[in-house]
Amino acid sequence: CGWTDVHLQDDGHLYGKPPKEHYYSPNVPSYLSDLNAMHEAEKVLTDD
């Protein structure tokens, strides 16, 4: 979905750089438990 440098921190949180941003965020979406996050992810899919 365009995040970069996503990694698991020692505190158990995922950190990474959101699309088109240059800062790190601890707000990597919880795709496996959040329907809204998956809705956003589905938007990156091509028609095929």
ModelCIF file with pLDDT and N, C-alpha, C, O atoms, coordinates in Angstrom:
data_MODEL
#
_entry.id   MODEL 
#
_entity.id                         1 
_entity.type                       polymer 
_entity.pdbx_number_of_molecules   1 
#
_entity_poly.entity_id                      1 
_entity_poly.type                           'polypeptide(L)' 
_entity_poly.nstd_linkage                   no 
_entity_poly.nstd_monomer                   no 
_entity_poly.pdbx_seq_one_letter_code       CGWTDVHLQDDGHLYGKPPKEHYYSPNVPSYLSDLNAMHEAEKVLTDD 
_entity_poly.pdbx_seq_one_letter_code_can   CGWTDVHLQDDGHLYGKPPKEHYYSPNVPSYLSDLNAMHEAEKVLTDD 
_entity_poly.pdbx_strand_id                 A 
#
loop_
_entity_poly_seq.entity_id 
_entity_poly_seq.num 
_entity_poly_seq.mon_id 
_entity_poly_seq.hetero 
1 1  CYS n 
1 2  GLY n 
1 3  TRP n 
1 4  THR n 
1 5  ASP n 
1 6  VAL n 
1 7  HIS n 
1 8  LEU n 
1 9  GLN n 
1 10 ASP n 
1 11 ASP n 
1 12 GLY n 
1 13 HIS n 
1 14 LEU n 
1 15 TYR n 
1 16 GLY n 
1 17 LYS n 
1 18 PRO n 
1 19 PRO n 
1 20 LYS n 
1 21 GLU n 
1 22 HIS n 
1 23 TYR n 
1 24 TYR n 
1 25 SER n 
1 26 PRO n 
1 27 ASN n 
1 28 VAL n 
1 29 PRO n 
1 30 SER n 
1 31 TYR n 
1 32 LEU n 
1 33 SER n 
1 34 ASP n 
1 35 LEU n 
1 36 ASN n 
1 37 ALA n 
1 38 MET n 
1 39 HIS n 
1 40 GLU n 
1 41 ALA n 
1 42 GLU n 
1 43 LYS n 
1 44 VAL n 
1 45 LEU n 
1 46 THR n 
1 47 ASP n 
1 48 ASP n 
#
_struct_asym.id          A 
_struct_asym.entity_id   1 
#
loop_
_ma_qa_metric.id 
_ma_qa_metric.mode 
_ma_qa_metric.name 
_ma_qa_metric.software_group_id 
_ma_qa_metric.type 
1 global pLDDT . pLDDT 
2 local  pLDDT . pLDDT 
#
_ma_qa_metric_global.metric_id      1 
_ma_qa_metric_global.metric_value   95.21 
_ma_qa_metric_global.model_id       1 
_ma_qa_metric_global.ordinal_id     1 
#
loop_
_ma_qa_metric_local.label_asym_id 
_ma_qa_metric_local.label_comp_id 
_ma_qa_metric_local.label_seq_id 
_ma_qa_metric_local.metric_id 
_ma_qa_metric_local.metric_value 
_ma_qa_metric_local.model_id 
_ma_qa_metric_local.ordinal_id 
A CYS 1  2 98.00 1 1  
A GLY 2  2 97.00 1 2  
A TRP 3  2 98.00 1 3  
A THR 4  2 97.00 1 4  
A ASP 5  2 96.00 1 5  
A VAL 6  2 97.00 1 6  
A HIS 7  2 94.00 1 7  
A LEU 8  2 93.00 1 8  
A GLN 9  2 91.00 1 9  
A ASP 10 2 90.00 1 10 
A ASP 11 2 88.00 1 11 
A GLY 12 2 86.00 1 12 
A HIS 13 2 90.00 1 13 
A LEU 14 2 95.00 1 14 
A TYR 15 2 95.00 1 15 
A GLY 16 2 97.00 1 16 
A LYS 17 2 97.00 1 17 
A PRO 18 2 96.00 1 18 
A PRO 19 2 95.00 1 19 
A LYS 20 2 92.00 1 20 
A GLU 21 2 92.00 1 21 
A HIS 22 2 91.00 1 22 
A TYR 23 2 93.00 1 23 
A TYR 24 2 93.00 1 24 
A SER 25 2 93.00 1 25 
A PRO 26 2 92.00 1 26 
A ASN 27 2 92.00 1 27 
A VAL 28 2 96.00 1 28 
A PRO 29 2 97.00 1 29 
A SER 30 2 97.00 1 30 
A TYR 31 2 98.00 1 31 
A LEU 32 2 97.00 1 32 
A SER 33 2 98.00 1 33 
A ASP 34 2 98.00 1 34 
A LEU 35 2 97.00 1 35 
A ASN 36 2 98.00 1 36 
A ALA 37 2 98.00 1 37 
A MET 38 2 98.00 1 38 
A HIS 39 2 97.00 1 39 
A GLU 40 2 97.00 1 40 
A ALA 41 2 98.00 1 41 
A GLU 42 2 97.00 1 42 
A LYS 43 2 97.00 1 43 
A VAL 44 2 97.00 1 44 
A LEU 45 2 98.00 1 45 
A THR 46 2 97.00 1 46 
A ASP 47 2 96.00 1 47 
A ASP 48 2 96.00 1 48 
#
loop_
_atom_site.group_PDB 
_atom_site.id 
_atom_site.type_symbol 
_atom_site.label_atom_id 
_atom_site.label_alt_id 
_atom_site.label_comp_id 
_atom_site.label_asym_id 
_atom_site.label_entity_id 
_atom_site.label_seq_id 
_atom_site.pdbx_PDB_ins_code 
_atom_site.Cartn_x 
_atom_site.Cartn_y 
_atom_site.Cartn_z 
_atom_site.occupancy 
_atom_site.B_iso_or_equiv 
_atom_site.pdbx_formal_charge 
_atom_site.auth_seq_id 
_atom_site.auth_comp_id 
_atom_site.auth_asym_id 
_atom_site.auth_atom_id 
_atom_site.pdbx_PDB_model_num 
ATOM 1   N N  . CYS A 1 1  ? 0.814   -1.224 0.000   1.00 98.00 ? 1  CYS A N  1 
ATOM 2   C CA . CYS A 1 1  ? 0.000   0.000  0.000   1.00 98.00 ? 1  CYS A CA 1 
ATOM 3   C C  . CYS A 1 1  ? 0.844   1.269  0.000   1.00 98.00 ? 1  CYS A C  1 
ATOM 4   O O  . CYS A 1 1  ? 0.302   2.369  0.108   1.00 98.00 ? 1  CYS A O  1 
ATOM 5   N N  . GLY A 1 2  ? 2.160   1.131  -0.119  1.00 97.00 ? 2  GLY A N  1 
ATOM 6   C CA . GLY A 1 2  ? 3.018   2.296  -0.244  1.00 97.00 ? 2  GLY A CA 1 
ATOM 7   C C  . GLY A 1 2  ? 3.809   2.688  0.989   1.00 97.00 ? 2  GLY A C  1 
ATOM 8   O O  . GLY A 1 2  ? 4.606   3.625  0.936   1.00 97.00 ? 2  GLY A O  1 
ATOM 9   N N  . TRP A 1 3  ? 3.606   1.987  2.107   1.00 98.00 ? 3  TRP A N  1 
ATOM 10  C CA . TRP A 1 3  ? 4.419   2.268  3.292   1.00 98.00 ? 3  TRP A CA 1 
ATOM 11  C C  . TRP A 1 3  ? 5.840   1.792  3.017   1.00 98.00 ? 3  TRP A C  1 
ATOM 12  O O  . TRP A 1 3  ? 6.044   0.834  2.270   1.00 98.00 ? 3  TRP A O  1 
ATOM 13  N N  . THR A 1 4  ? 6.818   2.455  3.615   1.00 97.00 ? 4  THR A N  1 
ATOM 14  C CA . THR A 1 4  ? 8.212   2.047  3.463   1.00 97.00 ? 4  THR A CA 1 
ATOM 15  C C  . THR A 1 4  ? 8.858   1.882  4.833   1.00 97.00 ? 4  THR A C  1 
ATOM 16  O O  . THR A 1 4  ? 8.404   2.438  5.833   1.00 97.00 ? 4  THR A O  1 
ATOM 17  N N  . ASP A 1 5  ? 9.925   1.102  4.844   1.00 96.00 ? 5  ASP A N  1 
ATOM 18  C CA . ASP A 1 5  ? 10.722  0.866  6.052   1.00 96.00 ? 5  ASP A CA 1 
ATOM 19  C C  . ASP A 1 5  ? 9.843   0.456  7.242   1.00 96.00 ? 5  ASP A C  1 
ATOM 20  O O  . ASP A 1 5  ? 10.019  0.953  8.355   1.00 96.00 ? 5  ASP A O  1 
ATOM 21  N N  . VAL A 1 6  ? 8.910   -0.443 6.996   1.00 97.00 ? 6  VAL A N  1 
ATOM 22  C CA . VAL A 1 6  ? 8.018   -0.919 8.056   1.00 97.00 ? 6  VAL A CA 1 
ATOM 23  C C  . VAL A 1 6  ? 8.741   -2.016 8.833   1.00 97.00 ? 6  VAL A C  1 
ATOM 24  O O  . VAL A 1 6  ? 9.288   -2.953 8.251   1.00 97.00 ? 6  VAL A O  1 
ATOM 25  N N  . HIS A 1 7  ? 8.734   -1.884 10.146  1.00 94.00 ? 7  HIS A N  1 
ATOM 26  C CA . HIS A 1 7  ? 9.434   -2.860 10.980  1.00 94.00 ? 7  HIS A CA 1 
ATOM 27  C C  . HIS A 1 7  ? 8.774   -2.956 12.354  1.00 94.00 ? 7  HIS A C  1 
ATOM 28  O O  . HIS A 1 7  ? 8.094   -2.036 12.808  1.00 94.00 ? 7  HIS A O  1 
ATOM 29  N N  . LEU A 1 8  ? 8.997   -4.084 12.989  1.00 93.00 ? 8  LEU A N  1 
ATOM 30  C CA . LEU A 1 8  ? 8.464   -4.337 14.318  1.00 93.00 ? 8  LEU A CA 1 
ATOM 31  C C  . LEU A 1 8  ? 9.457   -3.835 15.357  1.00 93.00 ? 8  LEU A C  1 
ATOM 32  O O  . LEU A 1 8  ? 10.622  -4.232 15.354  1.00 93.00 ? 8  LEU A O  1 
ATOM 33  N N  . GLN A 1 9  ? 9.001   -2.977 16.229  1.00 91.00 ? 9  GLN A N  1 
ATOM 34  C CA . GLN A 1 9  ? 9.834   -2.437 17.302  1.00 91.00 ? 9  GLN A CA 1 
ATOM 35  C C  . GLN A 1 9  ? 9.842   -3.398 18.493  1.00 91.00 ? 9  GLN A C  1 
ATOM 36  O O  . GLN A 1 9  ? 9.006   -4.296 18.585  1.00 91.00 ? 9  GLN A O  1 
ATOM 37  N N  . ASP A 1 10 ? 10.787  -3.199 19.391  1.00 90.00 ? 10 ASP A N  1 
ATOM 38  C CA . ASP A 1 10 ? 10.881  -4.019 20.595  1.00 90.00 ? 10 ASP A CA 1 
ATOM 39  C C  . ASP A 1 10 ? 9.628   -3.920 21.459  1.00 90.00 ? 10 ASP A C  1 
ATOM 40  O O  . ASP A 1 10 ? 9.309   -4.838 22.214  1.00 90.00 ? 10 ASP A O  1 
ATOM 41  N N  . ASP A 1 11 ? 8.919   -2.794 21.339  1.00 88.00 ? 11 ASP A N  1 
ATOM 42  C CA . ASP A 1 11 ? 7.712   -2.615 22.147  1.00 88.00 ? 11 ASP A CA 1 
ATOM 43  C C  . ASP A 1 11 ? 6.499   -3.337 21.550  1.00 88.00 ? 11 ASP A C  1 
ATOM 44  O O  . ASP A 1 11 ? 5.401   -3.271 22.103  1.00 88.00 ? 11 ASP A O  1 
ATOM 45  N N  . GLY A 1 12 ? 6.699   -4.026 20.422  1.00 86.00 ? 12 GLY A N  1 
ATOM 46  C CA . GLY A 1 12 ? 5.627   -4.787 19.801  1.00 86.00 ? 12 GLY A CA 1 
ATOM 47  C C  . GLY A 1 12 ? 4.799   -4.021 18.791  1.00 86.00 ? 12 GLY A C  1 
ATOM 48  O O  . GLY A 1 12 ? 3.887   -4.589 18.190  1.00 86.00 ? 12 GLY A O  1 
ATOM 49  N N  . HIS A 1 13 ? 5.094   -2.738 18.588  1.00 90.00 ? 13 HIS A N  1 
ATOM 50  C CA . HIS A 1 13 ? 4.361   -1.925 17.627  1.00 90.00 ? 13 HIS A CA 1 
ATOM 51  C C  . HIS A 1 13 ? 5.075   -1.917 16.282  1.00 90.00 ? 13 HIS A C  1 
ATOM 52  O O  . HIS A 1 13 ? 6.299   -2.027 16.210  1.00 90.00 ? 13 HIS A O  1 
ATOM 53  N N  . LEU A 1 14 ? 4.292   -1.787 15.226  1.00 95.00 ? 14 LEU A N  1 
ATOM 54  C CA . LEU A 1 14 ? 4.865   -1.629 13.898  1.00 95.00 ? 14 LEU A CA 1 
ATOM 55  C C  . LEU A 1 14 ? 5.055   -0.148 13.613  1.00 95.00 ? 14 LEU A C  1 
ATOM 56  O O  . LEU A 1 14 ? 4.155   0.661  13.837  1.00 95.00 ? 14 LEU A O  1 
ATOM 57  N N  . TYR A 1 15 ? 6.217   0.189  13.125  1.00 95.00 ? 15 TYR A N  1 
ATOM 58  C CA . TYR A 1 15 ? 6.536   1.560  12.739  1.00 95.00 ? 15 TYR A CA 1 
ATOM 59  C C  . TYR A 1 15 ? 6.904   1.564  11.265  1.00 95.00 ? 15 TYR A C  1 
ATOM 60  O O  . TYR A 1 15 ? 7.405   0.569  10.740  1.00 95.00 ? 15 TYR A O  1 
ATOM 61  N N  . GLY A 1 16 ? 6.657   2.666  10.609  1.00 97.00 ? 16 GLY A N  1 
ATOM 62  C CA . GLY A 1 16 ? 7.050   2.793  9.225   1.00 97.00 ? 16 GLY A CA 1 
ATOM 63  C C  . GLY A 1 16 ? 6.735   4.179  8.718   1.00 97.00 ? 16 GLY A C  1 
ATOM 64  O O  . GLY A 1 16 ? 6.167   5.010  9.427   1.00 97.00 ? 16 GLY A O  1 
ATOM 65  N N  . LYS A 1 17 ? 7.118   4.414  7.472   1.00 97.00 ? 17 LYS A N  1 
ATOM 66  C CA . LYS A 1 17 ? 6.852   5.700  6.830   1.00 97.00 ? 17 LYS A CA 1 
ATOM 67  C C  . LYS A 1 17 ? 5.604   5.548  5.967   1.00 97.00 ? 17 LYS A C  1 
ATOM 68  O O  . LYS A 1 17 ? 5.579   4.734  5.045   1.00 97.00 ? 17 LYS A O  1 
ATOM 69  N N  . PRO A 1 18 ? 4.566   6.334  6.268   1.00 96.00 ? 18 PRO A N  1 
ATOM 70  C CA . PRO A 1 18 ? 3.349   6.280  5.450   1.00 96.00 ? 18 PRO A CA 1 
ATOM 71  C C  . PRO A 1 18 ? 3.638   6.707  4.008   1.00 96.00 ? 18 PRO A C  1 
ATOM 72  O O  . PRO A 1 18 ? 4.647   7.361  3.740   1.00 96.00 ? 18 PRO A O  1 
ATOM 73  N N  . PRO A 1 19 ? 2.754   6.336  3.088   1.00 95.00 ? 19 PRO A N  1 
ATOM 74  C CA . PRO A 1 19 ? 2.960   6.750  1.692   1.00 95.00 ? 19 PRO A CA 1 
ATOM 75  C C  . PRO A 1 19 ? 3.125   8.256  1.571   1.00 95.00 ? 19 PRO A C  1 
ATOM 76  O O  . PRO A 1 19 ? 2.379   9.028  2.173   1.00 95.00 ? 19 PRO A O  1 
ATOM 77  N N  . LYS A 1 20 ? 4.103   8.657  0.791   1.00 92.00 ? 20 LYS A N  1 
ATOM 78  C CA . LYS A 1 20 ? 4.378   10.070 0.477   1.00 92.00 ? 20 LYS A CA 1 
ATOM 79  C C  . LYS A 1 20 ? 4.783   10.902 1.695   1.00 92.00 ? 20 LYS A C  1 
ATOM 80  O O  . LYS A 1 20 ? 4.680   12.128 1.660   1.00 92.00 ? 20 LYS A O  1 
ATOM 81  N N  . GLU A 1 21 ? 5.234   10.267 2.752   1.00 92.00 ? 21 GLU A N  1 
ATOM 82  C CA . GLU A 1 21 ? 5.669   10.994 3.956   1.00 92.00 ? 21 GLU A CA 1 
ATOM 83  C C  . GLU A 1 21 ? 7.136   10.676 4.232   1.00 92.00 ? 21 GLU A C  1 
ATOM 84  O O  . GLU A 1 21 ? 7.664   9.672  3.755   1.00 92.00 ? 21 GLU A O  1 
ATOM 85  N N  . HIS A 1 22 ? 7.784   11.539 5.005   1.00 91.00 ? 22 HIS A N  1 
ATOM 86  C CA . HIS A 1 22 ? 9.201   11.351 5.327   1.00 91.00 ? 22 HIS A CA 1 
ATOM 87  C C  . HIS A 1 22 ? 9.417   11.127 6.813   1.00 91.00 ? 22 HIS A C  1 
ATOM 88  O O  . HIS A 1 22 ? 10.553  11.171 7.284   1.00 91.00 ? 22 HIS A O  1 
ATOM 89  N N  . TYR A 1 23 ? 8.369   10.893 7.544   1.00 93.00 ? 23 TYR A N  1 
ATOM 90  C CA . TYR A 1 23 ? 8.470   10.684 8.990   1.00 93.00 ? 23 TYR A CA 1 
ATOM 91  C C  . TYR A 1 23 ? 7.988   9.270  9.330   1.00 93.00 ? 23 TYR A C  1 
ATOM 92  O O  . TYR A 1 23 ? 7.228   8.658  8.579   1.00 93.00 ? 23 TYR A O  1 
ATOM 93  N N  . TYR A 1 24 ? 8.438   8.779  10.455  1.00 93.00 ? 24 TYR A N  1 
ATOM 94  C CA . TYR A 1 24 ? 7.992   7.476  10.929  1.00 93.00 ? 24 TYR A CA 1 
ATOM 95  C C  . TYR A 1 24 ? 6.705   7.629  11.723  1.00 93.00 ? 24 TYR A C  1 
ATOM 96  O O  . TYR A 1 24 ? 6.489   8.626  12.413  1.00 93.00 ? 24 TYR A O  1 
ATOM 97  N N  . SER A 1 25 ? 5.868   6.626  11.608  1.00 93.00 ? 25 SER A N  1 
ATOM 98  C CA . SER A 1 25 ? 4.597   6.635  12.320  1.00 93.00 ? 25 SER A CA 1 
ATOM 99  C C  . SER A 1 25 ? 4.384   5.282  12.992  1.00 93.00 ? 25 SER A C  1 
ATOM 100 O O  . SER A 1 25 ? 4.720   4.246  12.417  1.00 93.00 ? 25 SER A O  1 
ATOM 101 N N  . PRO A 1 26 ? 3.828   5.282  14.204  1.00 92.00 ? 26 PRO A N  1 
ATOM 102 C CA . PRO A 1 26 ? 3.476   4.020  14.856  1.00 92.00 ? 26 PRO A CA 1 
ATOM 103 C C  . PRO A 1 26 ? 2.068   3.568  14.457  1.00 92.00 ? 26 PRO A C  1 
ATOM 104 O O  . PRO A 1 26 ? 1.523   2.638  15.050  1.00 92.00 ? 26 PRO A O  1 
ATOM 105 N N  . ASN A 1 27 ? 1.483   4.225  13.457  1.00 92.00 ? 27 ASN A N  1 
ATOM 106 C CA . ASN A 1 27 ? 0.097   3.961  13.085  1.00 92.00 ? 27 ASN A CA 1 
ATOM 107 C C  . ASN A 1 27 ? -0.040  3.121  11.826  1.00 92.00 ? 27 ASN A C  1 
ATOM 108 O O  . ASN A 1 27 ? -0.883  3.406  10.976  1.00 92.00 ? 27 ASN A O  1 
ATOM 109 N N  . VAL A 1 28 ? 0.791   2.079  11.701  1.00 96.00 ? 28 VAL A N  1 
ATOM 110 C CA . VAL A 1 28 ? 0.641   1.156  10.586  1.00 96.00 ? 28 VAL A CA 1 
ATOM 111 C C  . VAL A 1 28 ? -0.722  0.487  10.760  1.00 96.00 ? 28 VAL A C  1 
ATOM 112 O O  . VAL A 1 28 ? -1.006  -0.057 11.828  1.00 96.00 ? 28 VAL A O  1 
ATOM 113 N N  . PRO A 1 29 ? -1.562  0.517  9.736   1.00 97.00 ? 29 PRO A N  1 
ATOM 114 C CA . PRO A 1 29 ? -2.912  -0.027 9.888   1.00 97.00 ? 29 PRO A CA 1 
ATOM 115 C C  . PRO A 1 29 ? -2.924  -1.490 10.329  1.00 97.00 ? 29 PRO A C  1 
ATOM 116 O O  . PRO A 1 29 ? -2.028  -2.268 10.000  1.00 97.00 ? 29 PRO A O  1 
ATOM 117 N N  . SER A 1 30 ? -3.948  -1.834 11.069  1.00 97.00 ? 30 SER A N  1 
ATOM 118 C CA . SER A 1 30 ? -4.158  -3.215 11.539  1.00 97.00 ? 30 SER A CA 1 
ATOM 119 C C  . SER A 1 30 ? -5.016  -3.949 10.513  1.00 97.00 ? 30 SER A C  1 
ATOM 120 O O  . SER A 1 30 ? -6.191  -4.231 10.750  1.00 97.00 ? 30 SER A O  1 
ATOM 121 N N  . TYR A 1 31 ? -4.412  -4.248 9.385   1.00 98.00 ? 31 TYR A N  1 
ATOM 122 C CA . TYR A 1 31 ? -5.149  -4.819 8.262   1.00 98.00 ? 31 TYR A CA 1 
ATOM 123 C C  . TYR A 1 31 ? -5.914  -6.089 8.618   1.00 98.00 ? 31 TYR A C  1 
ATOM 124 O O  . TYR A 1 31 ? -6.993  -6.326 8.073   1.00 98.00 ? 31 TYR A O  1 
ATOM 125 N N  . LEU A 1 32 ? -5.385  -6.901 9.511   1.00 97.00 ? 32 LEU A N  1 
ATOM 126 C CA . LEU A 1 32 ? -6.016  -8.181 9.823   1.00 97.00 ? 32 LEU A CA 1 
ATOM 127 C C  . LEU A 1 32 ? -7.225  -8.064 10.734  1.00 97.00 ? 32 LEU A C  1 
ATOM 128 O O  . LEU A 1 32 ? -7.959  -9.036 10.912  1.00 97.00 ? 32 LEU A O  1 
ATOM 129 N N  . SER A 1 33 ? -7.443  -6.895 11.311  1.00 98.00 ? 33 SER A N  1 
ATOM 130 C CA . SER A 1 33 ? -8.574  -6.751 12.231  1.00 98.00 ? 33 SER A CA 1 
ATOM 131 C C  . SER A 1 33 ? -9.424  -5.507 11.965  1.00 98.00 ? 33 SER A C  1 
ATOM 132 O O  . SER A 1 33 ? -10.393 -5.258 12.683  1.00 98.00 ? 33 SER A O  1 
ATOM 133 N N  . ASP A 1 34 ? -9.079  -4.738 10.959  1.00 98.00 ? 34 ASP A N  1 
ATOM 134 C CA . ASP A 1 34 ? -9.765  -3.475 10.708  1.00 98.00 ? 34 ASP A CA 1 
ATOM 135 C C  . ASP A 1 34 ? -10.324 -3.440 9.281   1.00 98.00 ? 34 ASP A C  1 
ATOM 136 O O  . ASP A 1 34 ? -9.569  -3.332 8.315   1.00 98.00 ? 34 ASP A O  1 
ATOM 137 N N  . LEU A 1 35 ? -11.642 -3.530 9.160   1.00 97.00 ? 35 LEU A N  1 
ATOM 138 C CA . LEU A 1 35 ? -12.263 -3.505 7.835   1.00 97.00 ? 35 LEU A CA 1 
ATOM 139 C C  . LEU A 1 35 ? -11.989 -2.199 7.096   1.00 97.00 ? 35 LEU A C  1 
ATOM 140 O O  . LEU A 1 35 ? -11.849 -2.200 5.873   1.00 97.00 ? 35 LEU A O  1 
ATOM 141 N N  . ASN A 1 36 ? -11.911 -1.096 7.816   1.00 98.00 ? 36 ASN A N  1 
ATOM 142 C CA . ASN A 1 36 ? -11.606 0.187  7.172   1.00 98.00 ? 36 ASN A CA 1 
ATOM 143 C C  . ASN A 1 36 ? -10.209 0.175  6.568   1.00 98.00 ? 36 ASN A C  1 
ATOM 144 O O  . ASN A 1 36 ? -10.000 0.701  5.475   1.00 98.00 ? 36 ASN A O  1 
ATOM 145 N N  . ALA A 1 37 ? -9.259  -0.417 7.267   1.00 98.00 ? 37 ALA A N  1 
ATOM 146 C CA . ALA A 1 37 ? -7.899  -0.513 6.745   1.00 98.00 ? 37 ALA A CA 1 
ATOM 147 C C  . ALA A 1 37 ? -7.866  -1.366 5.482   1.00 98.00 ? 37 ALA A C  1 
ATOM 148 O O  . ALA A 1 37 ? -7.183  -1.030 4.515   1.00 98.00 ? 37 ALA A O  1 
ATOM 149 N N  . MET A 1 38 ? -8.615  -2.479 5.496   1.00 98.00 ? 38 MET A N  1 
ATOM 150 C CA . MET A 1 38 ? -8.647  -3.325 4.308   1.00 98.00 ? 38 MET A CA 1 
ATOM 151 C C  . MET A 1 38 ? -9.367  -2.629 3.150   1.00 98.00 ? 38 MET A C  1 
ATOM 152 O O  . MET A 1 38 ? -9.013  -2.833 1.989   1.00 98.00 ? 38 MET A O  1 
ATOM 153 N N  . HIS A 1 39 ? -10.356 -1.826 3.455   1.00 97.00 ? 39 HIS A N  1 
ATOM 154 C CA . HIS A 1 39 ? -11.032 -1.067 2.403   1.00 97.00 ? 39 HIS A CA 1 
ATOM 155 C C  . HIS A 1 39 ? -10.028 -0.146 1.705   1.00 97.00 ? 39 HIS A C  1 
ATOM 156 O O  . HIS A 1 39 ? -10.024 -0.041 0.479   1.00 97.00 ? 39 HIS A O  1 
ATOM 157 N N  . GLU A 1 40 ? -9.187  0.511  2.484   1.00 97.00 ? 40 GLU A N  1 
ATOM 158 C CA . GLU A 1 40 ? -8.153  1.373  1.904   1.00 97.00 ? 40 GLU A CA 1 
ATOM 159 C C  . GLU A 1 40 ? -7.149  0.554  1.106   1.00 97.00 ? 40 GLU A C  1 
ATOM 160 O O  . GLU A 1 40 ? -6.716  0.980  0.035   1.00 97.00 ? 40 GLU A O  1 
ATOM 161 N N  . ALA A 1 41 ? -6.774  -0.620 1.613   1.00 98.00 ? 41 ALA A N  1 
ATOM 162 C CA . ALA A 1 41 ? -5.821  -1.478 0.906   1.00 98.00 ? 41 ALA A CA 1 
ATOM 163 C C  . ALA A 1 41 ? -6.393  -1.931 -0.434  1.00 98.00 ? 41 ALA A C  1 
ATOM 164 O O  . ALA A 1 41 ? -5.674  -1.983 -1.431  1.00 98.00 ? 41 ALA A O  1 
ATOM 165 N N  . GLU A 1 42 ? -7.673  -2.256 -0.459  1.00 97.00 ? 42 GLU A N  1 
ATOM 166 C CA . GLU A 1 42 ? -8.308  -2.717 -1.693  1.00 97.00 ? 42 GLU A CA 1 
ATOM 167 C C  . GLU A 1 42 ? -8.224  -1.662 -2.798  1.00 97.00 ? 42 GLU A C  1 
ATOM 168 O O  . GLU A 1 42 ? -8.260  -2.006 -3.980  1.00 97.00 ? 42 GLU A O  1 
ATOM 169 N N  . LYS A 1 43 ? -8.116  -0.421 -2.440  1.00 97.00 ? 43 LYS A N  1 
ATOM 170 C CA . LYS A 1 43 ? -8.056  0.663  -3.424  1.00 97.00 ? 43 LYS A CA 1 
ATOM 171 C C  . LYS A 1 43 ? -6.774  0.640  -4.260  1.00 97.00 ? 43 LYS A C  1 
ATOM 172 O O  . LYS A 1 43 ? -6.735  1.255  -5.326  1.00 97.00 ? 43 LYS A O  1 
ATOM 173 N N  . VAL A 1 44 ? -5.727  -0.054 -3.805  1.00 97.00 ? 44 VAL A N  1 
ATOM 174 C CA . VAL A 1 44 ? -4.487  -0.098 -4.579  1.00 97.00 ? 44 VAL A CA 1 
ATOM 175 C C  . VAL A 1 44 ? -4.522  -1.167 -5.668  1.00 97.00 ? 44 VAL A C  1 
ATOM 176 O O  . VAL A 1 44 ? -3.638  -1.206 -6.523  1.00 97.00 ? 44 VAL A O  1 
ATOM 177 N N  . LEU A 1 45 ? -5.529  -2.028 -5.644  1.00 98.00 ? 45 LEU A N  1 
ATOM 178 C CA . LEU A 1 45 ? -5.616  -3.109 -6.625  1.00 98.00 ? 45 LEU A CA 1 
ATOM 179 C C  . LEU A 1 45 ? -6.066  -2.585 -7.981  1.00 98.00 ? 45 LEU A C  1 
ATOM 180 O O  . LEU A 1 45 ? -6.953  -1.735 -8.071  1.00 98.00 ? 45 LEU A O  1 
ATOM 181 N N  . THR A 1 46 ? -5.446  -3.101 -9.029  1.00 97.00 ? 46 THR A N  1 
ATOM 182 C CA . THR A 1 46 ? -5.858  -2.777 -10.393 1.00 97.00 ? 46 THR A CA 1 
ATOM 183 C C  . THR A 1 46 ? -7.151  -3.535 -10.700 1.00 97.00 ? 46 THR A C  1 
ATOM 184 O O  . THR A 1 46 ? -7.578  -4.375 -9.908  1.00 97.00 ? 46 THR A O  1 
ATOM 185 N N  . ASP A 1 47 ? -7.769  -3.246 -11.833 1.00 96.00 ? 47 ASP A N  1 
ATOM 186 C CA . ASP A 1 47 ? -8.990  -3.959 -12.215 1.00 96.00 ? 47 ASP A CA 1 
ATOM 187 C C  . ASP A 1 47 ? -8.750  -5.460 -12.325 1.00 96.00 ? 47 ASP A C  1 
ATOM 188 O O  . ASP A 1 47 ? -9.563  -6.255 -11.853 1.00 96.00 ? 47 ASP A O  1 
ATOM 189 N N  . ASP A 1 48 ? -7.633  -5.853 -12.949 1.00 96.00 ? 48 ASP A N  1 
ATOM 190 C CA . ASP A 1 48 ? -7.315  -7.278 -13.071 1.00 96.00 ? 48 ASP A CA 1 
ATOM 191 C C  . ASP A 1 48 ? -7.082  -7.908 -11.694 1.00 96.00 ? 48 ASP A C  1 
ATOM 192 O O  . ASP A 1 48 ? -6.802  -9.103 -11.601 1.00 96.00 ? 48 ASP A O  1 
#
